[in-house]
Amino acid sequence: MKKTIFFGALILGILLSFNSYAFFVGLGGAEGGDHVIKKGQEQGVIPTIPDVGTPLVAPSNLQAIAISCTQINLTYQDNSNNEQGFKIERKIGAGGTYSEIAAVSANATTYNNTGLNTGTAYYYRVKAYNTSGNSNYSNEANTTTFDVPPFAPSNLLAQPLSFKQINLIWADNSNNELGFKIERRTVSETYIQIASINADSTTYNDVGLDPITTYYYRIRAYNNGGNSDYSNEVNTATLLLTWQKQLVGSGTNYMRSVALGNGRDDGVVRVYGSNKDGHIYEFSYIGGIWNKVDVGSGGNWMWGAAVGNGRNDGVMRVYGGNIDNHLYEFSYSGGIWNKVDMGSASFGMYKPFIGNGRNDGVMRVYIGNNDGHIYEFSYNGGVWNMVDLGLTGGGATYSVAVGNGRNDGGMRVYGATSAL
């Protein structure tokens, strides 16, 4: 810095600069000297002396932002025009003790604190100072440095489960990850992230894939300190689309028919099977296994089962046709199945069907009979009413259906008979 030497009170001043000294010389009074001093301050050769008489105003809006595992950056607002600088104080943890870590120049509004410990909470406060003393402290600000990035997972394996699913497993080698990022590509594509899953996970099931297609995978762990390196890369192909058989369950004799539907009227679809032992069984898939419930029975073989809104009241129920000549309705209420005998014909009942057979918007139950007839059951006034729709053509009517068979918008009833 240049040193300034003043000679007297001058009217006309001449500012001279030689090496490390600045001189002004001339004749005259104080006004001339003031002019030269001001000119020297503008040129930076005469220092500006702070106005130390005005009280310092504390800095405000202090903010601490962690940008890595070893650095926190501070910003604050300078509210004074007469400080000589700012003193930065820091403590470790809420219960720590503050100590001064730096003094920065006047008008500074940032400070980068480096060389910190990873995953550590630091607290900060700032005050302005000059030769008269210190301002009050700013607000306190705190943040935590990032963790060290986690170690990469390893031993990634891919196992095709079906034509549309591949399951992944790997070894978790970190104890500080926030989760794992799963990336996938095909032979002709680049990697994209397909999922982000929780910490401590070691499996992922990739579904909705294309059949007989090779997929490549890699994963990495992450936390607020960044991403780990990638795991090893693996690839495998989905399977050929094939039918796979699984045993749902059985009764005490052979099953005659099967129906799917919301039989309990609870929004859950279940499987219903009618058995030669006279019972209808309900099968629910829960936790990877099939669970069987006996819905109820008739007096002989339970030939057929159906699920639907047979009473036209919006409630789903289960219906069974029995060789004892009766049609039964099963309703689930209060945790139990309740059976209603809807009516009978002269011979055994077969598989029922629920539909809008009259094309009037009303749902009814239709069933074929061993006598060759189709019967319609309508629920009205609290009772079931049976109507004989007629003979289908001789022989037993084993199966019926309701629908827009002519594709003209008209709903009709159809029956399959054993007659030649």
Protein backbone atom coordinates (compact mmCIF):
# COMPACT_ATOMS: atom_id res chain seq x y z
CA MET A 1 0.00 0.00 0.00
CA LYS A 2 1.20 3.51 -0.78
CA LYS A 3 1.87 5.84 2.12
CA THR A 4 0.56 9.37 1.91
CA ILE A 5 2.51 12.40 3.21
CA PHE A 6 0.65 15.73 3.65
CA PHE A 7 2.44 19.09 3.61
CA GLY A 8 0.53 21.89 5.30
CA ALA A 9 -2.79 23.45 4.52
CA LEU A 10 -2.85 24.27 0.85
CA ILE A 11 -4.91 26.28 -1.60
CA LEU A 12 -3.71 24.44 -4.69
CA GLY A 13 -2.54 20.87 -4.30
CA ILE A 14 -0.54 18.70 -6.64
CA LEU A 15 -0.71 14.95 -6.06
CA LEU A 16 2.51 13.12 -6.77
CA SER A 17 3.08 9.36 -6.62
CA PHE A 18 6.56 7.89 -6.25
CA ASN A 19 7.01 4.20 -5.63
CA SER A 20 5.30 3.45 -2.31
CA TYR A 21 4.65 7.08 -1.34
CA ALA A 22 1.99 9.55 -2.45
CA PHE A 23 2.67 13.27 -1.95
CA PHE A 24 0.57 16.31 -2.47
CA VAL A 25 2.14 19.75 -2.33
CA GLY A 26 0.96 23.27 -3.09
CA LEU A 27 -0.24 26.56 -1.68
CA GLY A 28 -3.47 27.60 -0.15
CA GLY A 29 -5.98 26.61 2.54
CA ALA A 30 -8.02 23.64 3.66
CA GLU A 31 -10.38 23.54 0.68
CA GLY A 32 -7.56 22.82 -1.71
CA GLY A 33 -6.28 20.09 0.56
CA ASP A 34 -9.71 18.49 0.78
CA HIS A 35 -9.95 18.40 -2.99
CA VAL A 36 -6.64 16.63 -3.33
CA ILE A 37 -7.49 14.10 -0.60
CA LYS A 38 -10.79 13.30 -2.29
CA LYS A 39 -9.00 12.89 -5.62
CA GLY A 40 -6.46 10.61 -4.00
CA GLN A 41 -9.18 8.45 -2.45
CA GLU A 42 -10.86 8.09 -5.85
CA GLN A 43 -7.53 6.95 -7.33
CA GLY A 44 -6.95 4.52 -4.46
CA VAL A 45 -3.72 6.10 -3.19
CA ILE A 46 -5.31 7.68 -0.13
CA PRO A 47 -7.35 5.24 2.05
CA THR A 48 -10.94 6.02 2.96
CA ILE A 49 -11.37 6.27 6.71
CA PRO A 50 -14.63 4.66 7.94
CA ASP A 51 -17.17 6.74 9.78
CA VAL A 52 -16.67 5.01 13.10
CA GLY A 53 -18.99 7.34 14.90
CA THR A 54 -22.18 5.79 13.48
CA PRO A 55 -23.27 2.57 15.30
CA LEU A 56 -22.81 -0.61 13.29
CA VAL A 57 -25.95 -2.41 12.11
CA ALA A 58 -25.89 -6.20 12.45
CA PRO A 59 -25.81 -8.23 9.24
CA SER A 60 -29.01 -10.17 8.53
CA ASN A 61 -30.52 -13.00 6.48
CA LEU A 62 -27.60 -15.33 7.14
CA GLN A 63 -27.97 -18.57 5.20
CA ALA A 64 -25.81 -21.69 5.28
CA ILE A 65 -25.89 -24.09 2.34
CA ALA A 66 -24.00 -27.38 2.23
CA ILE A 67 -22.55 -28.00 -1.23
CA SER A 68 -20.43 -31.09 -0.54
CA CYS A 69 -19.32 -33.40 2.23
CA THR A 70 -16.57 -30.92 3.26
CA GLN A 71 -17.88 -27.43 2.34
CA ILE A 72 -20.63 -25.05 3.47
CA ASN A 73 -21.19 -21.68 1.79
CA LEU A 74 -22.51 -18.68 3.74
CA THR A 75 -24.38 -15.65 2.42
CA TYR A 76 -25.68 -12.69 4.41
CA GLN A 77 -26.87 -9.11 4.00
CA ASP A 78 -24.54 -6.19 4.78
CA ASN A 79 -26.61 -3.51 6.56
CA SER A 80 -23.78 -1.05 7.46
CA ASN A 81 -21.66 1.41 5.49
CA ASN A 82 -18.99 1.95 8.12
CA GLU A 83 -17.71 -1.55 8.96
CA GLN A 84 -14.08 -2.49 8.56
CA GLY A 85 -15.06 -6.14 8.04
CA PHE A 86 -17.07 -9.09 9.32
CA LYS A 87 -16.20 -11.77 11.86
CA ILE A 88 -17.44 -15.31 11.10
CA GLU A 89 -18.13 -17.60 14.05
CA ARG A 90 -18.95 -21.31 14.00
CA LYS A 91 -19.83 -24.13 16.36
CA ILE A 92 -20.31 -27.86 15.85
CA GLY A 93 -23.78 -29.14 16.79
CA ALA A 94 -26.50 -27.31 18.67
CA GLY A 95 -24.68 -27.77 21.97
CA GLY A 96 -21.27 -26.64 20.76
CA THR A 97 -19.40 -23.42 21.63
CA TYR A 98 -18.92 -20.64 19.12
CA SER A 99 -15.43 -19.59 18.07
CA GLU A 100 -14.22 -17.16 15.42
CA ILE A 101 -13.03 -18.91 12.27
CA ALA A 102 -12.48 -15.98 9.90
CA ALA A 103 -12.57 -12.20 9.46
CA VAL A 104 -13.51 -10.94 6.02
CA SER A 105 -13.24 -7.51 4.45
CA ALA A 106 -15.80 -4.71 4.46
CA ASN A 107 -18.71 -5.11 2.05
CA ALA A 108 -18.19 -8.88 1.81
CA THR A 109 -21.48 -10.83 1.80
CA THR A 110 -20.26 -14.41 1.26
CA TYR A 111 -17.90 -16.86 2.91
CA ASN A 112 -17.01 -20.42 1.88
CA ASN A 113 -16.14 -22.66 4.80
CA THR A 114 -14.02 -25.60 3.57
CA GLY A 115 -12.20 -28.55 5.12
CA LEU A 116 -15.19 -29.68 7.18
CA ASN A 117 -16.12 -33.12 8.47
CA THR A 118 -18.64 -35.22 6.54
CA GLY A 119 -22.19 -35.63 7.80
CA THR A 120 -21.70 -33.00 10.54
CA ALA A 121 -24.06 -30.23 11.66
CA TYR A 122 -22.45 -26.77 11.75
CA TYR A 123 -23.95 -23.57 13.17
CA TYR A 124 -22.90 -20.06 12.15
CA ARG A 125 -23.33 -16.41 13.13
CA VAL A 126 -21.77 -13.19 11.76
CA LYS A 127 -21.09 -9.70 13.15
CA ALA A 128 -19.69 -6.51 11.64
CA TYR A 129 -16.79 -4.67 13.29
CA ASN A 130 -14.73 -1.45 13.13
CA THR A 131 -12.41 0.42 15.52
CA SER A 132 -15.39 1.39 17.67
CA GLY A 133 -16.40 -2.23 18.31
CA ASN A 134 -18.73 -4.95 17.05
CA SER A 135 -22.31 -4.99 15.85
CA ASN A 136 -24.90 -7.33 17.25
CA TYR A 137 -24.88 -10.84 15.81
CA SER A 138 -26.82 -11.84 12.75
CA ASN A 139 -29.42 -14.57 12.92
CA GLU A 140 -28.03 -18.08 13.48
CA ALA A 141 -27.96 -20.46 10.53
CA ASN A 142 -27.11 -24.13 10.41
CA THR A 143 -26.82 -27.00 7.99
CA THR A 144 -25.19 -30.42 7.75
CA THR A 145 -22.43 -31.41 5.38
CA PHE A 146 -23.20 -34.22 2.98
CA ASP A 147 -22.39 -37.82 3.72
CA VAL A 148 -19.64 -39.56 1.84
CA PRO A 149 -21.18 -41.18 -1.28
CA PRO A 150 -22.11 -44.82 -0.62
CA PHE A 151 -20.22 -47.87 -1.84
CA ALA A 152 -21.39 -49.48 -5.06
CA PRO A 153 -23.73 -52.49 -4.84
CA SER A 154 -22.34 -55.73 -6.20
CA ASN A 155 -23.25 -59.24 -7.36
CA LEU A 156 -26.19 -58.01 -9.42
CA LEU A 157 -28.16 -60.93 -10.87
CA ALA A 158 -31.15 -60.97 -13.25
CA GLN A 159 -33.63 -63.83 -13.38
CA PRO A 160 -36.47 -64.03 -15.96
CA LEU A 161 -39.71 -64.96 -14.23
CA SER A 162 -42.13 -64.90 -17.16
CA PHE A 163 -42.65 -63.47 -20.63
CA LYS A 164 -43.07 -59.98 -19.11
CA GLN A 165 -41.09 -59.96 -15.83
CA ILE A 166 -37.42 -60.06 -14.78
CA ASN A 167 -36.39 -60.09 -11.11
CA LEU A 168 -33.15 -58.48 -9.89
CA ILE A 169 -31.13 -59.23 -6.75
CA TRP A 170 -27.87 -57.67 -5.50
CA ALA A 171 -25.64 -57.15 -2.47
CA ASP A 172 -25.98 -53.89 -0.52
CA ASN A 173 -22.46 -52.79 0.50
CA SER A 174 -23.28 -49.48 2.21
CA ASN A 175 -24.90 -48.35 5.44
CA ASN A 176 -25.46 -44.72 4.47
CA GLU A 177 -27.45 -44.86 1.23
CA LEU A 178 -30.81 -43.15 0.83
CA GLY A 179 -31.81 -45.64 -1.83
CA PHE A 180 -30.92 -47.32 -5.11
CA LYS A 181 -31.38 -46.21 -8.71
CA ILE A 182 -32.25 -48.96 -11.21
CA GLU A 183 -31.21 -48.46 -14.83
CA ARG A 184 -32.15 -50.57 -17.85
CA ARG A 185 -31.48 -50.74 -21.59
CA THR A 186 -32.02 -53.03 -24.53
CA VAL A 187 -29.48 -53.91 -27.21
CA SER A 188 -30.49 -50.93 -29.34
CA GLU A 189 -31.08 -48.39 -26.54
CA THR A 190 -29.05 -46.42 -24.01
CA TYR A 191 -29.52 -46.73 -20.27
CA ILE A 192 -32.44 -44.96 -18.62
CA GLN A 193 -33.44 -44.91 -14.96
CA ILE A 194 -36.60 -46.98 -14.46
CA ALA A 195 -36.95 -46.86 -10.66
CA SER A 196 -35.63 -45.38 -7.42
CA ILE A 197 -36.19 -47.63 -4.42
CA ASN A 198 -35.66 -47.51 -0.67
CA ALA A 199 -32.44 -47.93 1.28
CA ASP A 200 -31.48 -51.49 2.30
CA SER A 201 -33.35 -52.96 -0.68
CA THR A 202 -31.70 -55.93 -2.36
CA THR A 203 -34.41 -56.95 -4.85
CA TYR A 204 -36.45 -55.37 -7.63
CA ASN A 205 -39.11 -56.90 -9.92
CA ASP A 206 -39.20 -55.32 -13.38
CA VAL A 207 -42.64 -55.93 -14.92
CA GLY A 208 -44.50 -54.98 -18.09
CA LEU A 209 -41.69 -56.11 -20.39
CA ASP A 210 -41.84 -57.50 -23.92
CA PRO A 211 -41.63 -61.27 -24.49
CA ILE A 212 -38.35 -62.89 -25.64
CA THR A 213 -36.45 -59.60 -25.36
CA THR A 214 -32.96 -59.17 -23.87
CA TYR A 215 -32.67 -56.49 -21.18
CA TYR A 216 -29.49 -55.09 -19.60
CA TYR A 217 -29.37 -53.74 -16.03
CA ARG A 218 -27.09 -51.81 -13.70
CA ILE A 219 -27.76 -50.14 -10.35
CA ARG A 220 -26.11 -47.66 -8.02
CA ALA A 221 -26.68 -46.43 -4.50
CA TYR A 222 -27.14 -42.75 -3.67
CA ASN A 223 -27.33 -40.28 -0.78
CA ASN A 224 -27.07 -36.51 -0.43
CA GLY A 225 -23.33 -36.78 -1.04
CA GLY A 226 -23.89 -38.19 -4.52
CA ASN A 227 -24.06 -41.50 -6.33
CA SER A 228 -21.97 -44.59 -5.84
CA ASP A 229 -20.19 -46.26 -8.72
CA TYR A 230 -22.31 -48.63 -10.77
CA SER A 231 -22.72 -52.29 -9.95
CA ASN A 232 -21.73 -54.93 -12.43
CA GLU A 233 -23.89 -55.06 -15.57
CA VAL A 234 -26.15 -58.06 -16.17
CA ASN A 235 -28.50 -59.11 -18.94
CA THR A 236 -31.14 -61.74 -19.52
CA ALA A 237 -34.12 -62.31 -21.81
CA THR A 238 -37.80 -62.56 -20.96
CA LEU A 239 -39.43 -65.91 -21.62
CA LEU A 240 -41.53 -67.02 -24.56
CA LEU A 241 -45.23 -66.35 -24.02
CA THR A 242 -46.66 -69.67 -22.86
CA TRP A 243 -49.57 -70.87 -20.79
CA GLN A 244 -48.68 -71.96 -17.28
CA LYS A 245 -50.92 -74.19 -15.22
CA GLN A 246 -51.49 -73.73 -11.50
CA LEU A 247 -53.78 -75.72 -9.23
CA VAL A 248 -56.34 -73.38 -7.66
CA GLY A 249 -58.02 -75.94 -5.41
CA SER A 250 -60.46 -78.83 -5.32
CA GLY A 251 -63.60 -80.21 -3.72
CA THR A 252 -64.33 -83.79 -2.64
CA ASN A 253 -65.41 -84.77 -6.17
CA TYR A 254 -64.86 -83.38 -9.63
CA MET A 255 -65.58 -79.76 -10.54
CA ARG A 256 -68.46 -79.24 -12.97
CA SER A 257 -68.05 -75.51 -13.83
CA VAL A 258 -66.19 -72.35 -12.89
CA ALA A 259 -67.17 -68.67 -12.66
CA LEU A 260 -65.25 -65.49 -11.85
CA GLY A 261 -66.68 -62.42 -10.21
CA ASN A 262 -67.21 -60.12 -7.26
CA GLY A 263 -69.27 -62.67 -5.38
CA ARG A 264 -68.97 -60.98 -1.98
CA ASP A 265 -69.87 -57.58 -3.45
CA ASP A 266 -66.70 -56.11 -1.93
CA GLY A 267 -64.90 -55.19 -5.13
CA VAL A 268 -62.63 -58.26 -5.04
CA VAL A 269 -62.78 -60.76 -7.89
CA ARG A 270 -62.69 -64.41 -6.80
CA VAL A 271 -63.06 -67.80 -8.46
CA TYR A 272 -66.14 -69.96 -7.85
CA GLY A 273 -66.33 -73.65 -8.70
CA SER A 274 -69.34 -75.97 -8.63
CA ASN A 275 -68.58 -79.54 -7.56
CA LYS A 276 -70.23 -82.92 -7.98
CA ASP A 277 -70.20 -83.19 -4.19
CA GLY A 278 -73.07 -80.65 -4.23
CA HIS A 279 -71.06 -77.62 -3.07
CA ILE A 280 -69.90 -74.32 -4.52
CA TYR A 281 -66.39 -73.38 -3.45
CA GLU A 282 -64.85 -69.91 -3.41
CA PHE A 283 -61.11 -69.46 -4.10
CA SER A 284 -59.32 -66.24 -3.13
CA TYR A 285 -55.69 -65.47 -4.06
CA ILE A 286 -53.97 -63.91 -1.05
CA GLY A 287 -50.27 -63.67 -0.28
CA GLY A 288 -49.30 -65.88 -3.19
CA ILE A 289 -51.59 -68.79 -2.28
CA TRP A 290 -55.17 -69.81 -3.01
CA ASN A 291 -57.57 -69.98 -0.06
CA LYS A 292 -60.76 -72.06 -0.28
CA VAL A 293 -64.13 -71.32 1.36
CA ASP A 294 -67.23 -73.52 1.16
CA VAL A 295 -69.98 -71.19 -0.07
CA GLY A 296 -72.83 -73.68 0.38
CA SER A 297 -74.52 -76.73 -1.09
CA GLY A 298 -77.72 -78.12 -2.58
CA GLY A 299 -79.24 -81.56 -2.35
CA ASN A 300 -77.24 -83.16 -5.14
CA TRP A 301 -74.59 -82.29 -7.71
CA MET A 302 -73.90 -78.57 -8.04
CA TRP A 303 -73.75 -78.53 -11.82
CA GLY A 304 -73.03 -74.88 -12.60
CA ALA A 305 -72.13 -71.55 -10.93
CA ALA A 306 -72.42 -67.88 -11.95
CA VAL A 307 -71.75 -64.49 -10.33
CA GLY A 308 -73.81 -61.39 -10.98
CA ASN A 309 -76.49 -58.85 -10.14
CA GLY A 310 -79.33 -61.38 -10.27
CA ARG A 311 -81.78 -59.31 -8.22
CA ASN A 312 -81.14 -56.18 -10.33
CA ASP A 313 -80.35 -54.26 -7.12
CA GLY A 314 -76.67 -53.58 -7.79
CA VAL A 315 -75.49 -56.28 -5.36
CA MET A 316 -73.32 -59.10 -6.64
CA ARG A 317 -74.22 -62.65 -5.56
CA VAL A 318 -73.34 -66.25 -6.44
CA TYR A 319 -75.82 -68.57 -8.15
CA GLY A 320 -75.72 -72.36 -8.46
CA GLY A 321 -77.76 -74.82 -10.46
CA ASN A 322 -78.22 -78.21 -8.79
CA ILE A 323 -79.18 -81.65 -10.04
CA ASP A 324 -81.75 -81.72 -7.22
CA ASN A 325 -83.84 -79.57 -9.64
CA HIS A 326 -83.26 -76.32 -7.71
CA LEU A 327 -81.51 -73.02 -8.40
CA TYR A 328 -79.77 -71.51 -5.36
CA GLU A 329 -78.61 -67.97 -4.56
CA PHE A 330 -75.73 -67.34 -2.14
CA SER A 331 -75.23 -63.89 -0.54
CA TYR A 332 -72.27 -62.91 1.64
CA SER A 333 -73.30 -60.84 4.66
CA GLY A 334 -72.04 -60.47 8.20
CA GLY A 335 -69.08 -62.74 7.52
CA ILE A 336 -71.16 -65.74 6.41
CA TRP A 337 -72.74 -67.09 3.25
CA ASN A 338 -76.56 -67.19 3.24
CA LYS A 339 -78.46 -69.52 0.88
CA VAL A 340 -81.84 -68.85 -0.74
CA ASP A 341 -83.77 -71.47 -2.73
CA MET A 342 -84.92 -69.52 -5.80
CA GLY A 343 -87.18 -72.26 -7.18
CA SER A 344 -87.18 -75.56 -9.04
CA ALA A 345 -88.17 -77.32 -12.24
CA SER A 346 -89.01 -80.91 -12.99
CA PHE A 347 -85.44 -82.05 -13.56
CA GLY A 348 -81.92 -81.08 -12.69
CA MET A 349 -80.67 -77.50 -13.15
CA TYR A 350 -77.45 -76.82 -15.01
CA LYS A 351 -75.27 -73.69 -15.29
CA PRO A 352 -77.02 -70.32 -14.64
CA PHE A 353 -76.39 -67.05 -16.51
CA ILE A 354 -77.21 -63.47 -15.39
CA GLY A 355 -78.22 -60.95 -18.03
CA ASN A 356 -80.68 -58.54 -19.61
CA GLY A 357 -82.58 -61.22 -21.46
CA ARG A 358 -85.73 -59.17 -22.10
CA ASN A 359 -83.74 -56.22 -23.48
CA ASP A 360 -85.45 -53.94 -20.92
CA GLY A 361 -82.40 -53.08 -18.79
CA VAL A 362 -83.41 -55.45 -15.99
CA MET A 363 -81.01 -58.19 -14.93
CA ARG A 364 -82.48 -61.66 -14.46
CA VAL A 365 -81.16 -65.19 -13.92
CA TYR A 366 -81.45 -67.77 -16.71
CA ILE A 367 -80.74 -71.49 -16.46
CA GLY A 368 -81.03 -74.57 -18.63
CA ASN A 369 -82.69 -77.73 -17.35
CA ASN A 370 -82.37 -81.42 -17.94
CA ASP A 371 -85.96 -81.32 -19.21
CA GLY A 372 -84.78 -79.29 -22.22
CA HIS A 373 -86.28 -75.98 -21.09
CA ILE A 374 -84.76 -72.61 -20.23
CA TYR A 375 -86.12 -70.92 -17.11
CA GLU A 376 -86.02 -67.25 -16.19
CA PHE A 377 -85.96 -66.09 -12.55
CA SER A 378 -86.90 -62.50 -11.68
CA TYR A 379 -86.74 -61.00 -8.19
CA ASN A 380 -89.80 -58.85 -7.57
CA GLY A 381 -91.65 -57.89 -4.40
CA GLY A 382 -89.25 -59.85 -2.21
CA VAL A 383 -89.78 -63.17 -3.98
CA TRP A 384 -88.31 -65.04 -6.93
CA ASN A 385 -90.67 -65.61 -9.85
CA MET A 386 -89.94 -68.33 -12.42
CA VAL A 387 -90.98 -68.20 -16.07
CA ASP A 388 -90.59 -71.13 -18.48
CA LEU A 389 -89.11 -69.71 -21.68
CA GLY A 390 -89.79 -72.93 -23.52
CA LEU A 391 -88.19 -76.03 -24.92
CA THR A 392 -84.93 -75.52 -26.78
CA GLY A 393 -85.38 -78.45 -29.11
CA GLY A 394 -85.38 -81.64 -27.11
CA GLY A 395 -82.79 -83.21 -24.87
CA ALA A 396 -81.15 -81.48 -21.94
CA THR A 397 -80.31 -77.73 -22.12
CA TYR A 398 -76.88 -77.75 -20.57
CA SER A 399 -75.85 -74.16 -21.10
CA VAL A 400 -77.46 -70.73 -21.61
CA ALA A 401 -76.15 -67.27 -22.43
CA VAL A 402 -77.57 -63.75 -22.79
CA GLY A 403 -76.27 -61.17 -25.24
CA ASN A 404 -76.51 -59.17 -28.44
CA GLY A 405 -76.10 -62.25 -30.60
CA ARG A 406 -77.49 -60.68 -33.79
CA ASN A 407 -75.35 -57.55 -33.36
CA ASP A 408 -78.46 -55.40 -33.76
CA GLY A 409 -78.58 -54.01 -30.22
CA GLY A 410 -81.23 -56.47 -29.11
CA MET A 411 -80.44 -58.71 -26.13
CA ARG A 412 -81.58 -62.33 -26.45
CA VAL A 413 -81.29 -65.61 -24.59
CA TYR A 414 -79.41 -68.55 -26.14
CA GLY A 415 -79.37 -72.19 -25.10
CA ALA A 416 -77.23 -75.22 -26.01
CA THR A 417 -79.07 -78.53 -26.05
CA SER A 418 -78.11 -82.18 -26.30
CA ALA A 419 -80.68 -82.70 -29.08
CA LEU A 420 -79.22 -83.55 -32.47
